[in-house]
């Protein structure tokens, strides 16, 4: 089976550079072009998906390379995008930040490579001029299998500052600047620290969404982003994961994501072997399972303990990766 949905990853040089804001504005801009936009969030974050789901009016799905694996991520992406015109994937933290200091495990880069998706790198350029070039060069050359298709300079001081940054990248033969967003261009979004604020129609009103979309239209080359997304190669594979895409968009705290996040935390806190059946609350049989990242399909466990189906993942909590 082939998955040919155009796709783009919105990544950051570090946390707090504006990934969510840019992603939301881009989703709005794309929808205003009549496109069906499928959103994803890298990692177990259950807050940002409520914002992305509200903006796209479709469920937003988590893509987590540490808790799941390549086959599952590709299967989920393939099924969720079957009726979409384009996919927007918001990264987590910095592009290469993940579970380890020496691998791509759990990082945005890992997901981008698995999905063969071009990456837009957002950099906070406040107080930065030509130094943007070596920053971007480092990201480009750090992992050569990754495709950084363009740069968005956020928090520019002036139009001249943005133009200067674009020329610095061009002179150094680096990925082009796709957008130069001035400071104060976006409306403020509530702080989403530690799960305290989820999206609803009041927090993320149509007025705020429109303002985000308008800012992207003014300061970012949306048509170039579409070109980059459409240039992504088709994914080839046997996409056979269970169809679980009949959920309604929710703007309240997401139980499906909460289950996903809390079970992953449970595994970490208990420090259990990745091959051991643990059940949901530790009542599993302890039977050895397949090694981590072996699904789909899931390895079978004779006790069938703690069979938990989240609306998002529908995984069995007693299996290896949890």
Protein backbone atom coordinates (compact mmCIF):
# COMPACT_ATOMS: atom_id res chain seq x y z
CA UNK A 1 0.00 0.00 0.00
CA UNK A 2 1.16 3.53 -0.71
CA UNK A 3 0.63 6.65 1.38
CA UNK A 4 1.12 9.77 -0.71
CA UNK A 5 -0.32 12.48 1.51
CA UNK A 6 1.71 15.72 1.34
CA UNK A 7 3.28 16.44 4.74
CA UNK A 8 5.38 18.93 6.63
CA UNK A 9 7.02 18.83 10.05
CA UNK A 10 7.09 22.03 12.12
CA UNK A 11 10.19 21.73 14.29
CA UNK A 12 12.09 24.08 16.58
CA UNK A 13 15.70 24.75 17.35
CA UNK A 14 14.58 24.49 20.98
CA UNK A 15 11.43 24.67 23.10
CA UNK A 16 9.49 27.91 23.21
CA UNK A 17 10.30 29.11 19.70
CA UNK A 18 6.66 29.17 18.57
CA UNK A 19 6.00 25.72 17.11
CA UNK A 20 2.40 25.53 18.29
CA UNK A 21 1.56 29.08 17.27
CA UNK A 22 3.04 28.65 13.79
CA UNK A 23 1.40 25.24 13.40
CA UNK A 24 -2.03 26.60 14.35
CA UNK A 25 -1.70 29.57 12.01
CA UNK A 26 -0.56 27.32 9.18
CA UNK A 27 -3.48 24.94 9.70
CA UNK A 28 -5.90 27.88 9.51
CA UNK A 29 -4.24 29.24 6.37
CA UNK A 30 -4.37 25.85 4.68
CA UNK A 31 -8.00 25.27 5.62
CA UNK A 32 -8.92 28.65 4.15
CA UNK A 33 -7.56 27.30 0.87
CA UNK A 34 -10.16 24.57 1.07
CA UNK A 35 -7.71 21.86 2.14
CA UNK A 36 -8.47 19.08 4.59
CA UNK A 37 -5.64 19.25 7.10
CA UNK A 38 -4.69 16.30 9.31
CA UNK A 39 -2.63 17.28 12.33
CA UNK A 40 -0.20 15.28 14.47
CA UNK A 41 1.87 15.99 17.56
CA UNK A 42 5.21 14.32 18.23
CA UNK A 43 5.45 12.77 21.69
CA UNK A 44 2.84 12.04 24.39
CA UNK A 45 1.74 15.67 24.83
CA UNK A 46 -2.03 15.75 25.38
CA UNK A 47 -2.40 19.56 25.45
CA UNK A 48 -1.20 20.74 22.06
CA UNK A 49 -3.39 18.14 20.29
CA UNK A 50 -6.49 19.83 21.73
CA UNK A 51 -5.41 23.09 20.05
CA UNK A 52 -4.49 21.44 16.77
CA UNK A 53 -7.70 19.42 16.72
CA UNK A 54 -9.78 22.53 17.28
CA UNK A 55 -7.96 24.41 14.51
CA UNK A 56 -8.25 21.57 11.99
CA UNK A 57 -11.68 20.31 13.10
CA UNK A 58 -10.26 16.80 12.92
CA UNK A 59 -8.77 14.59 15.65
CA UNK A 60 -5.08 15.23 16.23
CA UNK A 61 -2.97 12.10 16.79
CA UNK A 62 0.25 11.61 18.73
CA UNK A 63 3.31 10.13 17.02
CA UNK A 64 5.70 8.80 19.63
CA UNK A 65 8.80 6.90 18.52
CA UNK A 66 9.83 5.96 22.05
CA UNK A 67 6.56 4.44 23.27
CA UNK A 68 5.63 2.88 19.95
CA UNK A 69 7.78 2.22 16.88
CA UNK A 70 8.33 2.90 13.20
CA UNK A 71 5.68 0.51 11.85
CA UNK A 72 3.02 1.84 14.18
CA UNK A 73 3.84 5.48 13.40
CA UNK A 74 3.70 4.82 9.67
CA UNK A 75 0.46 2.84 10.00
CA UNK A 76 -1.20 5.53 12.09
CA UNK A 77 -0.07 8.27 9.73
CA UNK A 78 -1.29 6.35 6.70
CA UNK A 79 -4.75 5.71 8.11
CA UNK A 80 -5.27 9.16 9.60
CA UNK A 81 -4.40 10.87 6.31
CA UNK A 82 -6.44 8.64 4.01
CA UNK A 83 -8.95 11.43 3.34
CA UNK A 84 -6.65 14.42 4.02
CA UNK A 85 -5.07 16.80 1.53
CA UNK A 86 -2.05 17.61 3.69
CA UNK A 87 -0.59 16.67 7.07
CA UNK A 88 0.94 19.14 9.53
CA UNK A 89 3.13 17.50 12.19
CA UNK A 90 4.11 19.63 15.17
CA UNK A 91 7.39 18.59 16.76
CA UNK A 92 8.38 18.36 20.40
CA UNK A 93 11.08 20.45 22.13
CA UNK A 94 14.09 20.95 19.87
CA UNK A 95 14.41 18.98 16.64
CA UNK A 96 16.90 16.45 18.02
CA UNK A 97 15.70 16.35 21.64
CA UNK A 98 14.44 12.93 22.68
CA UNK A 99 14.91 10.07 25.11
CA UNK A 100 18.69 9.77 24.86
CA UNK A 101 21.76 11.95 24.39
CA UNK A 102 23.24 9.72 21.67
CA UNK A 103 20.27 8.59 19.55
CA UNK A 104 17.21 10.00 17.80
CA UNK A 105 14.85 7.93 19.97
CA UNK A 106 11.68 9.85 20.82
CA UNK A 107 12.69 12.95 18.87
CA UNK A 108 10.99 14.98 16.18
CA UNK A 109 13.87 14.10 13.85
CA UNK A 110 13.12 10.41 14.25
CA UNK A 111 9.47 10.86 13.24
CA UNK A 112 10.43 13.07 10.29
CA UNK A 113 12.85 10.42 9.01
CA UNK A 114 10.35 7.59 9.46
CA UNK A 115 7.73 9.53 7.52
CA UNK A 116 10.23 10.91 4.98
CA UNK A 117 8.76 14.32 5.76
CA UNK A 118 10.40 17.69 5.00
CA UNK A 119 11.09 19.84 8.05
CA UNK A 120 10.54 23.54 8.62
CA UNK A 121 12.94 24.70 11.33
CA UNK A 122 11.72 27.56 13.54
CA UNK A 123 14.44 29.66 15.15
CA UNK A 124 13.99 32.46 17.68
CA UNK A 125 16.06 35.17 15.99
CA UNK A 126 15.70 37.84 18.65
CA UNK A 127 19.18 39.38 18.86
CA UNK A 128 20.50 37.20 16.01
CA UNK A 129 21.84 38.32 12.62
CA UNK A 130 24.34 36.40 10.47
CA UNK A 131 24.77 33.90 13.30
CA UNK A 132 21.52 32.33 12.06
CA UNK A 133 23.55 30.72 9.28
CA UNK A 134 25.84 28.59 11.48
CA UNK A 135 22.89 27.69 13.69
CA UNK A 136 20.96 26.34 10.70
CA UNK A 137 24.09 24.77 9.21
CA UNK A 138 24.55 22.76 12.40
CA UNK A 139 21.00 21.43 12.22
CA UNK A 140 21.33 20.60 8.52
CA UNK A 141 24.59 18.70 8.90
CA UNK A 142 23.89 17.00 12.23
CA UNK A 143 21.74 14.26 10.69
CA UNK A 144 22.14 13.96 6.92
CA UNK A 145 19.16 11.63 6.49
CA UNK A 146 16.89 14.47 7.63
CA UNK A 147 15.43 16.90 5.09
CA UNK A 148 15.34 20.46 6.41
CA UNK A 149 13.37 22.18 3.67
CA UNK A 150 13.24 25.71 5.03
CA UNK A 151 13.62 28.06 7.96
CA UNK A 152 11.09 30.26 9.74
CA UNK A 153 12.69 33.15 11.60
CA UNK A 154 10.46 34.04 14.53
CA UNK A 155 10.58 37.24 16.61
CA UNK A 156 12.26 39.38 13.96
CA UNK A 157 12.97 42.96 15.00
CA UNK A 158 11.96 44.56 11.70
CA UNK A 159 11.38 43.78 8.00
CA UNK A 160 15.01 44.70 7.34
CA UNK A 161 16.12 42.25 10.03
CA UNK A 162 14.11 39.48 8.39
CA UNK A 163 15.52 40.28 4.95
CA UNK A 164 19.05 40.26 6.38
CA UNK A 165 18.50 36.82 7.85
CA UNK A 166 17.19 35.47 4.56
CA UNK A 167 20.25 36.78 2.73
CA UNK A 168 22.57 35.23 5.31
CA UNK A 169 21.04 31.81 4.66
CA UNK A 170 21.12 32.28 0.89
CA UNK A 171 24.77 33.42 0.90
CA UNK A 172 25.74 30.32 2.90
CA UNK A 173 23.81 28.00 0.55
CA UNK A 174 21.51 26.82 3.30
CA UNK A 175 17.76 26.01 3.22
CA UNK A 176 15.80 29.11 2.32
CA UNK A 177 13.93 31.31 4.73
CA UNK A 178 10.25 30.51 4.29
CA UNK A 179 9.02 33.09 6.78
CA UNK A 180 10.20 36.05 8.83
CA UNK A 181 7.71 36.71 11.62
CA UNK A 182 8.06 39.96 13.59
CA UNK A 183 7.76 40.14 17.35
CA UNK A 184 4.17 40.64 18.44
CA UNK A 185 2.69 39.31 15.19
CA UNK A 186 0.65 36.62 16.95
CA UNK A 187 -2.03 36.92 19.61
CA UNK A 188 -1.01 35.53 22.99
CA UNK A 189 -1.96 31.92 23.73
CA UNK A 190 -2.50 30.74 27.33
CA UNK A 191 0.38 29.02 29.08
CA UNK A 192 0.00 25.26 28.66
CA UNK A 193 2.47 24.22 31.37
CA UNK A 194 1.91 20.85 33.06
CA UNK A 195 -1.55 20.29 31.67
CA UNK A 196 -3.20 23.31 33.25
CA UNK A 197 -4.75 24.76 30.10
CA UNK A 198 -6.44 22.79 27.34
CA UNK A 199 -8.12 24.25 24.30
CA UNK A 200 -11.78 25.11 24.08
CA UNK A 201 -13.84 27.49 21.97
CA UNK A 202 -13.34 30.28 24.51
CA UNK A 203 -9.58 30.00 24.91
CA UNK A 204 -9.02 29.37 21.21
CA UNK A 205 -11.85 31.37 19.67
CA UNK A 206 -12.48 31.79 15.96
CA UNK A 207 -11.19 35.36 16.32
CA UNK A 208 -7.85 34.14 17.68
CA UNK A 209 -7.61 31.42 15.04
CA UNK A 210 -8.29 33.95 12.29
CA UNK A 211 -5.60 36.26 13.70
CA UNK A 212 -3.10 33.39 13.74
CA UNK A 213 -3.93 32.51 10.15
CA UNK A 214 -3.68 36.11 9.00
CA UNK A 215 -0.25 36.50 10.62
CA UNK A 216 0.99 33.41 8.79
CA UNK A 217 -0.42 34.71 5.51
CA UNK A 218 1.39 38.03 5.97
CA UNK A 219 4.77 36.77 7.06
CA UNK A 220 5.17 33.21 5.77
CA UNK A 221 5.24 31.89 2.19
CA UNK A 222 2.39 29.40 2.53
CA UNK A 223 2.54 28.40 -1.14
CA UNK A 224 6.20 27.44 -0.74
CA UNK A 225 5.28 25.30 2.25
CA UNK A 226 2.69 23.55 0.10
CA UNK A 227 5.35 22.92 -2.55
CA UNK A 228 7.70 21.44 0.04
CA UNK A 229 4.95 19.25 1.47
CA UNK A 230 3.87 18.02 -1.96
CA UNK A 231 7.45 17.07 -2.80
CA UNK A 232 7.53 14.45 -0.02
CA UNK A 233 8.01 10.95 -1.38
CA UNK A 234 5.23 8.38 -1.03
CA UNK A 235 5.50 5.97 1.88
CA UNK A 236 5.56 2.30 0.92
CA UNK A 237 4.43 -0.37 3.34
CA UNK A 238 1.82 -2.78 4.60
CA UNK A 239 -0.33 -0.36 6.56
CA UNK A 240 -2.56 -2.76 8.48
CA UNK A 241 -3.08 -1.17 11.91
CA UNK A 242 -6.58 -1.28 13.38
CA UNK A 243 -8.86 1.43 12.07
CA UNK A 244 -9.59 3.72 15.02
CA UNK A 245 -10.33 6.96 13.26
CA UNK A 246 -14.01 7.37 14.02
CA UNK A 247 -13.53 9.61 17.03
CA UNK A 248 -15.15 13.03 17.28
CA UNK A 249 -13.09 16.17 17.80
CA UNK A 250 -12.94 16.98 21.51
CA UNK A 251 -12.04 20.36 22.99
CA UNK A 252 -11.97 19.07 26.56
CA UNK A 253 -9.05 17.34 28.33
CA UNK A 254 -8.39 14.28 26.20
CA UNK A 255 -8.79 10.95 27.98
CA UNK A 256 -7.33 9.12 25.02
CA UNK A 257 -4.11 11.05 25.28
CA UNK A 258 -4.16 10.95 29.08
CA UNK A 259 -4.21 7.14 29.05
CA UNK A 260 -1.36 7.11 26.57
CA UNK A 261 0.73 9.50 28.67
CA UNK A 262 0.01 8.02 32.09
CA UNK A 263 0.76 4.43 31.07
CA UNK A 264 4.08 5.50 29.62
CA UNK A 265 4.90 7.29 32.86
CA UNK A 266 3.87 4.16 34.78
CA UNK A 267 6.38 2.07 32.89
CA UNK A 268 9.15 4.55 33.55
CA UNK A 269 8.33 4.90 37.24
CA UNK A 270 8.25 1.12 37.79
CA UNK A 271 11.48 0.69 35.77
CA UNK A 272 10.20 -2.62 34.43
CA UNK A 273 11.89 -4.63 31.69
CA UNK A 274 10.52 -3.79 28.25
CA UNK A 275 9.67 -7.46 27.59
CA UNK A 276 7.65 -8.07 30.76
CA UNK A 277 3.85 -8.19 30.91
CA UNK A 278 2.90 -5.72 33.64
CA UNK A 279 -0.81 -5.17 33.17
CA UNK A 280 -2.30 -1.74 33.77
CA UNK A 281 -1.81 -1.56 37.52
CA UNK A 282 1.00 -4.08 37.82
CA UNK A 283 -1.20 -7.19 37.94
CA UNK A 284 0.20 -8.70 34.74
CA UNK A 285 1.49 -12.26 34.56
CA UNK A 286 5.13 -11.31 33.96
CA UNK A 287 5.25 -13.44 30.83
CA UNK A 288 8.05 -12.57 28.42
CA UNK A 289 6.82 -10.73 25.36
CA UNK A 290 8.37 -9.68 22.13
CA UNK A 291 10.99 -6.97 22.40
CA UNK A 292 10.13 -3.29 22.32
CA UNK A 293 8.86 -1.79 19.06
CA UNK A 294 7.42 -5.00 17.69
CA UNK A 295 3.98 -3.83 16.69
CA UNK A 296 1.58 -3.84 14.97
CA UNK A 297 0.38 -6.46 15.47
CA UNK A 298 0.84 -6.67 19.21
CA UNK A 299 2.57 -9.72 20.67
CA UNK A 300 0.13 -12.02 22.42
CA UNK A 301 0.06 -12.44 26.18
CA UNK A 302 -1.67 -15.50 27.63
CA UNK A 303 -3.10 -13.68 30.66
CA UNK A 304 -4.70 -10.90 28.58
CA UNK A 305 -4.36 -8.74 31.69
CA UNK A 306 -5.41 -5.15 31.81
CA UNK A 307 -6.77 -4.87 28.30
CA UNK A 308 -7.12 -1.12 27.90
CA UNK A 309 -8.20 0.51 24.67
CA UNK A 310 -7.55 4.20 24.37
CA UNK A 311 -9.46 5.99 21.63
CA UNK A 312 -6.14 7.22 20.32
CA UNK A 313 -3.93 4.14 20.30
CA UNK A 314 -6.00 1.10 21.25
CA UNK A 315 -2.95 -0.62 22.54
CA UNK A 316 -2.87 -3.37 25.13
CA UNK A 317 -1.34 -1.96 28.29
CA UNK A 318 0.28 -5.26 29.24
CA UNK A 319 2.62 -5.23 26.27
CA UNK A 320 6.31 -4.72 25.97
CA UNK A 321 6.66 -1.02 25.29
CA UNK A 322 4.62 -0.04 28.33
